């Protein structure tokens, strides 16, 4: 009887895997995606799959205390320059908190953190953020998209639509997902 509650708290088995590509087709709960490396992958979607879209915002929409995510690249000077910034809804506060290596491109990092302040700088605003008792900062140049989550549903998953799928790869090679980002109104997931 003691084992039951412990097993109920065990996270789903599998290795977190990020898939970037375009929809080939959706067949029931199976999403076929042509990945950026040319492979066609089949991902079994959860019955309650969360399909998230992105909407344009601006740096002025970022306020002290907001929880944000940003993909960035460390320069030779050690400073991070943002490639994209997303303002998370309050309900997502704490999601993926931290700063860690990211697989968008060489030397990229993901930072999910709370905004402490925003400074003006010649190269663009500098976001000062905190996560797990640590501080970091990154520059947001004028070309960097600032986005927020928007509503979406499986009807968006049409052939050719860009997607960013947060999947689990299981021991048998099967891919499953309960959450993904889909292109809408020309805004493709940039992360």
C-alpha atoms as a PDB file:
ATOM      1  CA  UNK A   1       0.000   0.000   0.000  1.00  0.00           C
ATOM      2  CA  UNK A   2       2.887   2.349   0.640  1.00  0.00           C
ATOM      3  CA  UNK A   3       4.184   1.934  -2.939  1.00  0.00           C
ATOM      4  CA  UNK A   4       0.904   3.138  -4.550  1.00  0.00           C
ATOM      5  CA  UNK A   5       1.154   6.840  -3.661  1.00  0.00           C
ATOM      6  CA  UNK A   6       4.859   6.905  -4.548  1.00  0.00           C
ATOM      7  CA  UNK A   7       4.129   5.468  -8.002  1.00  0.00           C
ATOM      8  CA  UNK A   8       1.303   7.955  -8.511  1.00  0.00           C
ATOM      9  CA  UNK A   9       3.842  10.778  -8.154  1.00  0.00           C
ATOM     10  CA  UNK A  10       6.358   9.294 -10.577  1.00  0.00           C
ATOM     11  CA  UNK A  11       6.725  11.510 -13.667  1.00  0.00           C
ATOM     12  CA  UNK A  12       6.091   9.952 -17.079  1.00  0.00           C
ATOM     13  CA  UNK A  13       9.005   7.765 -18.154  1.00  0.00           C
ATOM     14  CA  UNK A  14      10.932   9.147 -21.068  1.00  0.00           C
ATOM     15  CA  UNK A  15      13.643  11.534 -22.121  1.00  0.00           C
ATOM     16  CA  UNK A  16      12.547  15.129 -22.764  1.00  0.00           C
ATOM     17  CA  UNK A  17      12.983  15.830 -26.467  1.00  0.00           C
ATOM     18  CA  UNK A  18      12.426  19.056 -28.414  1.00  0.00           C
ATOM     19  CA  UNK A  19      11.219  18.709 -32.000  1.00  0.00           C
ATOM     20  CA  UNK A  20      11.233  21.628 -34.447  1.00  0.00           C
ATOM     21  CA  UNK A  21       9.735  21.266 -37.882  1.00  0.00           C
ATOM     22  CA  UNK A  22       6.559  21.406 -39.929  1.00  0.00           C
ATOM     23  CA  UNK A  23       3.420  19.341 -39.782  1.00  0.00           C
ATOM     24  CA  UNK A  24       3.291  16.583 -42.376  1.00  0.00           C
ATOM     25  CA  UNK A  25      -0.144  15.389 -41.239  1.00  0.00           C
ATOM     26  CA  UNK A  26      -2.344  14.738 -38.233  1.00  0.00           C
ATOM     27  CA  UNK A  27      -3.939  11.288 -38.165  1.00  0.00           C
ATOM     28  CA  UNK A  28      -6.144  10.950 -35.074  1.00  0.00           C
ATOM     29  CA  UNK A  29      -3.780  11.456 -32.121  1.00  0.00           C
ATOM     30  CA  UNK A  30      -0.661  10.824 -34.243  1.00  0.00           C
ATOM     31  CA  UNK A  31       1.122  13.942 -35.461  1.00  0.00           C
ATOM     32  CA  UNK A  32       3.664  13.435 -38.232  1.00  0.00           C
ATOM     33  CA  UNK A  33       6.313  16.165 -38.241  1.00  0.00           C
ATOM     34  CA  UNK A  34       9.087  16.720 -40.756  1.00  0.00           C
ATOM     35  CA  UNK A  35      11.869  17.791 -38.403  1.00  0.00           C
ATOM     36  CA  UNK A  36      14.404  20.480 -39.233  1.00  0.00           C
ATOM     37  CA  UNK A  37      16.975  17.736 -39.897  1.00  0.00           C
ATOM     38  CA  UNK A  38      14.713  16.165 -42.542  1.00  0.00           C
ATOM     39  CA  UNK A  39      13.406  13.176 -40.579  1.00  0.00           C
ATOM     40  CA  UNK A  40       9.679  12.500 -40.438  1.00  0.00           C
ATOM     41  CA  UNK A  41       8.738  11.738 -36.839  1.00  0.00           C
ATOM     42  CA  UNK A  42       5.461  10.423 -35.458  1.00  0.00           C
ATOM     43  CA  UNK A  43       4.393  11.873 -32.118  1.00  0.00           C
ATOM     44  CA  UNK A  44       1.438  10.488 -30.177  1.00  0.00           C
ATOM     45  CA  UNK A  45      -0.482  13.446 -28.781  1.00  0.00           C
ATOM     46  CA  UNK A  46      -2.208  13.314 -25.412  1.00  0.00           C
ATOM     47  CA  UNK A  47      -6.011  13.414 -25.563  1.00  0.00           C
ATOM     48  CA  UNK A  48      -5.843  16.794 -23.802  1.00  0.00           C
ATOM     49  CA  UNK A  49      -2.902  18.164 -25.853  1.00  0.00           C
ATOM     50  CA  UNK A  50      -2.177  21.834 -25.116  1.00  0.00           C
ATOM     51  CA  UNK A  51      -1.695  23.638 -28.430  1.00  0.00           C
ATOM     52  CA  UNK A  52      -0.160  27.048 -27.782  1.00  0.00           C
ATOM     53  CA  UNK A  53       0.226  29.866 -30.288  1.00  0.00           C
ATOM     54  CA  UNK A  54       2.291  33.027 -30.045  1.00  0.00           C
ATOM     55  CA  UNK A  55       1.177  36.646 -30.353  1.00  0.00           C
ATOM     56  CA  UNK A  56       3.362  39.694 -30.981  1.00  0.00           C
ATOM     57  CA  UNK A  57       4.249  41.935 -28.070  1.00  0.00           C
ATOM     58  CA  UNK A  58       6.942  44.566 -27.568  1.00  0.00           C
ATOM     59  CA  UNK A  59       9.716  45.139 -25.064  1.00  0.00           C
ATOM     60  CA  UNK A  60       7.444  47.791 -23.486  1.00  0.00           C
ATOM     61  CA  UNK A  61       5.019  44.988 -22.555  1.00  0.00           C
ATOM     62  CA  UNK A  62       7.632  43.406 -20.257  1.00  0.00           C
ATOM     63  CA  UNK A  63       7.166  44.566 -16.684  1.00  0.00           C
ATOM     64  CA  UNK A  64       9.154  44.045 -13.484  1.00  0.00           C
ATOM     65  CA  UNK A  65       7.932  40.820 -11.890  1.00  0.00           C
ATOM     66  CA  UNK A  66       6.912  39.168 -15.182  1.00  0.00           C
ATOM     67  CA  UNK A  67       7.982  35.567 -15.725  1.00  0.00           C
ATOM     68  CA  UNK A  68       9.729  35.317 -19.095  1.00  0.00           C
ATOM     69  CA  UNK A  69      11.576  32.806 -21.248  1.00  0.00           C
ATOM     70  CA  UNK A  70      14.322  33.719 -23.657  1.00  0.00           C
ATOM     71  CA  UNK A  71      16.514  31.814 -26.035  1.00  0.00           C
ATOM     72  CA  UNK A  72      19.855  33.565 -26.353  1.00  0.00           C
ATOM     73  CA  UNK A  73      23.411  33.103 -27.504  1.00  0.00           C
ATOM     74  CA  UNK A  74      26.491  33.847 -25.431  1.00  0.00           C
ATOM     75  CA  UNK A  75      28.905  36.121 -27.247  1.00  0.00           C
ATOM     76  CA  UNK A  76      32.701  36.056 -27.044  1.00  0.00           C
ATOM     77  CA  UNK A  77      32.358  38.665 -24.269  1.00  0.00           C
ATOM     78  CA  UNK A  78      30.284  36.183 -22.227  1.00  0.00           C
ATOM     79  CA  UNK A  79      27.148  38.321 -22.513  1.00  0.00           C
ATOM     80  CA  UNK A  80      23.871  36.808 -23.652  1.00  0.00           C
ATOM     81  CA  UNK A  81      22.050  38.289 -26.623  1.00  0.00           C
ATOM     82  CA  UNK A  82      18.409  37.277 -26.953  1.00  0.00           C
ATOM     83  CA  UNK A  83      17.139  35.540 -30.092  1.00  0.00           C
ATOM     84  CA  UNK A  84      13.552  35.600 -28.828  1.00  0.00           C
ATOM     85  CA  UNK A  85      11.705  36.554 -25.641  1.00  0.00           C
ATOM     86  CA  UNK A  86       8.359  35.171 -24.484  1.00  0.00           C
ATOM     87  CA  UNK A  87       6.208  36.615 -21.721  1.00  0.00           C
ATOM     88  CA  UNK A  88       4.630  33.687 -19.877  1.00  0.00           C
ATOM     89  CA  UNK A  89       1.137  33.883 -18.409  1.00  0.00           C
ATOM     90  CA  UNK A  90       1.068  33.991 -14.612  1.00  0.00           C
ATOM     91  CA  UNK A  91      -0.221  30.398 -14.526  1.00  0.00           C
ATOM     92  CA  UNK A  92       3.079  29.267 -16.101  1.00  0.00           C
ATOM     93  CA  UNK A  93       5.287  30.958 -13.482  1.00  0.00           C
ATOM     94  CA  UNK A  94       8.099  28.567 -12.515  1.00  0.00           C
ATOM     95  CA  UNK A  95       7.879  26.468 -15.706  1.00  0.00           C
ATOM     96  CA  UNK A  96      11.400  25.332 -16.613  1.00  0.00           C
ATOM     97  CA  UNK A  97      12.909  27.881 -14.235  1.00  0.00           C
ATOM     98  CA  UNK A  98      16.639  28.295 -14.683  1.00  0.00           C
ATOM     99  CA  UNK A  99      19.285  28.840 -17.326  1.00  0.00           C
ATOM    100  CA  UNK A 100      20.547  25.895 -19.302  1.00  0.00           C
ATOM    101  CA  UNK A 101      22.049  24.803 -22.595  1.00  0.00           C
ATOM    102  CA  UNK A 102      19.553  24.876 -25.460  1.00  0.00           C
ATOM    103  CA  UNK A 103      19.597  23.126 -28.813  1.00  0.00           C
ATOM    104  CA  UNK A 104      18.311  25.854 -31.144  1.00  0.00           C
ATOM    105  CA  UNK A 105      21.821  26.626 -32.412  1.00  0.00           C
ATOM    106  CA  UNK A 106      25.420  26.306 -31.183  1.00  0.00           C
ATOM    107  CA  UNK A 107      26.108  28.078 -27.877  1.00  0.00           C
ATOM    108  CA  UNK A 108      22.429  28.844 -27.282  1.00  0.00           C
ATOM    109  CA  UNK A 109      20.925  28.972 -23.802  1.00  0.00           C
ATOM    110  CA  UNK A 110      17.385  29.095 -22.458  1.00  0.00           C
ATOM    111  CA  UNK A 111      16.616  31.371 -19.540  1.00  0.00           C
ATOM    112  CA  UNK A 112      13.264  31.080 -17.743  1.00  0.00           C
ATOM    113  CA  UNK A 113      13.207  33.678 -15.001  1.00  0.00           C
ATOM    114  CA  UNK A 114      11.522  36.623 -13.272  1.00  0.00           C
ATOM    115  CA  UNK A 115      12.259  40.129 -14.522  1.00  0.00           C
ATOM    116  CA  UNK A 116      13.973  42.303 -11.898  1.00  0.00           C
ATOM    117  CA  UNK A 117      14.533  45.398 -14.023  1.00  0.00           C
ATOM    118  CA  UNK A 118      14.939  46.569 -17.597  1.00  0.00           C
ATOM    119  CA  UNK A 119      17.800  48.940 -18.442  1.00  0.00           C
ATOM    120  CA  UNK A 120      18.223  50.955 -21.608  1.00  0.00           C
ATOM    121  CA  UNK A 121      21.449  50.386 -23.535  1.00  0.00           C
ATOM    122  CA  UNK A 122      22.736  51.441 -26.975  1.00  0.00           C
ATOM    123  CA  UNK A 123      22.482  47.890 -28.366  1.00  0.00           C
ATOM    124  CA  UNK A 124      18.951  47.427 -26.970  1.00  0.00           C
ATOM    125  CA  UNK A 125      17.197  46.973 -23.623  1.00  0.00           C
ATOM    126  CA  UNK A 126      18.925  44.738 -21.088  1.00  0.00           C
ATOM    127  CA  UNK A 127      16.667  42.434 -19.074  1.00  0.00           C
ATOM    128  CA  UNK A 128      17.946  41.653 -15.579  1.00  0.00           C
ATOM    129  CA  UNK A 129      16.344  38.422 -14.380  1.00  0.00           C
ATOM    130  CA  UNK A 130      16.462  36.113 -11.373  1.00  0.00           C
ATOM    131  CA  UNK A 131      15.942  32.360 -11.074  1.00  0.00           C
ATOM    132  CA  UNK A 132      16.587  29.974  -8.195  1.00  0.00           C
ATOM    133  CA  UNK A 133      18.572  32.604  -6.267  1.00  0.00           C
ATOM    134  CA  UNK A 134      20.768  33.442  -9.284  1.00  0.00           C
ATOM    135  CA  UNK A 135      20.863  36.554 -11.454  1.00  0.00           C
ATOM    136  CA  UNK A 136      21.483  36.915 -15.173  1.00  0.00           C
ATOM    137  CA  UNK A 137      20.973  39.482 -17.871  1.00  0.00           C
ATOM    138  CA  UNK A 138      20.568  39.563 -21.605  1.00  0.00           C
ATOM    139  CA  UNK A 139      20.310  42.170 -24.307  1.00  0.00           C
ATOM    140  CA  UNK A 140      17.174  42.367 -26.432  1.00  0.00           C
ATOM    141  CA  UNK A 141      18.100  43.940 -29.773  1.00  0.00           C
ATOM    142  CA  UNK A 142      15.517  45.757 -31.933  1.00  0.00           C
ATOM    143  CA  UNK A 143      15.198  42.741 -34.277  1.00  0.00           C
ATOM    144  CA  UNK A 144      14.348  40.294 -31.461  1.00  0.00           C
ATOM    145  CA  UNK A 145      10.718  39.128 -31.405  1.00  0.00           C
ATOM    146  CA  UNK A 146       8.907  39.614 -28.103  1.00  0.00           C
ATOM    147  CA  UNK A 147       5.935  37.259 -27.867  1.00  0.00           C
ATOM    148  CA  UNK A 148       3.282  35.975 -25.485  1.00  0.00           C
ATOM    149  CA  UNK A 149       1.267  32.754 -25.416  1.00  0.00           C
ATOM    150  CA  UNK A 150      -2.015  32.721 -27.279  1.00  0.00           C
ATOM    151  CA  UNK A 151      -4.824  30.208 -27.621  1.00  0.00           C
ATOM    152  CA  UNK A 152      -4.675  27.341 -30.066  1.00  0.00           C
ATOM    153  CA  UNK A 153      -6.181  23.963 -30.816  1.00  0.00           C
ATOM    154  CA  UNK A 154      -5.523  20.867 -32.914  1.00  0.00           C
ATOM    155  CA  UNK A 155      -7.292  22.445 -35.904  1.00  0.00           C
ATOM    156  CA  UNK A 156      -4.104  24.475 -36.447  1.00  0.00           C
ATOM    157  CA  UNK A 157      -2.089  21.295 -37.088  1.00  0.00           C
ATOM    158  CA  UNK A 158      -2.346  21.369 -40.891  1.00  0.00           C
ATOM    159  CA  UNK A 159       0.376  20.324 -43.362  1.00  0.00           C
ATOM    160  CA  UNK A 160       3.178  22.899 -43.589  1.00  0.00           C
ATOM    161  CA  UNK A 161       2.459  24.584 -40.242  1.00  0.00           C
ATOM    162  CA  UNK A 162       5.610  25.191 -38.177  1.00  0.00           C
ATOM    163  CA  UNK A 163       5.634  23.516 -34.764  1.00  0.00           C
ATOM    164  CA  UNK A 164       7.828  23.246 -31.684  1.00  0.00           C
ATOM    165  CA  UNK A 165       6.918  20.050 -29.857  1.00  0.00           C
ATOM    166  CA  UNK A 166       7.884  19.321 -26.264  1.00  0.00           C
ATOM    167  CA  UNK A 167       7.961  15.514 -26.362  1.00  0.00           C
ATOM    168  CA  UNK A 168       9.045  12.523 -24.320  1.00  0.00           C
ATOM    169  CA  UNK A 169      11.069   9.819 -26.050  1.00  0.00           C
ATOM    170  CA  UNK A 170      10.377   6.442 -24.454  1.00  0.00           C
ATOM    171  CA  UNK A 171      12.693   3.424 -24.208  1.00  0.00           C
ATOM    172  CA  UNK A 172      10.946   1.792 -27.172  1.00  0.00           C
ATOM    173  CA  UNK A 173      11.581   4.925 -29.289  1.00  0.00           C
ATOM    174  CA  UNK A 174       7.955   6.088 -29.148  1.00  0.00           C
ATOM    175  CA  UNK A 175       7.433   9.849 -28.919  1.00  0.00           C
ATOM    176  CA  UNK A 176       4.557  11.335 -26.907  1.00  0.00           C
ATOM    177  CA  UNK A 177       3.557  14.925 -26.202  1.00  0.00           C
ATOM    178  CA  UNK A 178       1.097  16.804 -24.029  1.00  0.00           C
ATOM    179  CA  UNK A 179       2.191  20.315 -25.146  1.00  0.00           C
ATOM    180  CA  UNK A 180       3.316  22.007 -28.346  1.00  0.00           C
ATOM    181  CA  UNK A 181       3.562  25.414 -30.000  1.00  0.00           C
ATOM    182  CA  UNK A 182       2.001  25.893 -33.441  1.00  0.00           C
ATOM    183  CA  UNK A 183       2.323  28.612 -36.060  1.00  0.00           C
ATOM    184  CA  UNK A 184      -0.624  30.978 -36.328  1.00  0.00           C
ATOM    185  CA  UNK A 185      -1.057  34.192 -38.324  1.00  0.00           C
ATOM    186  CA  UNK A 186       2.470  33.799 -39.701  1.00  0.00           C
ATOM    187  CA  UNK A 187       4.103  33.722 -36.238  1.00  0.00           C
ATOM    188  CA  UNK A 188       6.284  30.618 -36.104  1.00  0.00           C
ATOM    189  CA  UNK A 189       7.670  29.270 -32.816  1.00  0.00           C
ATOM    190  CA  UNK A 190      11.201  30.779 -32.758  1.00  0.00           C
ATOM    191  CA  UNK A 191      12.605  28.755 -29.888  1.00  0.00           C
END
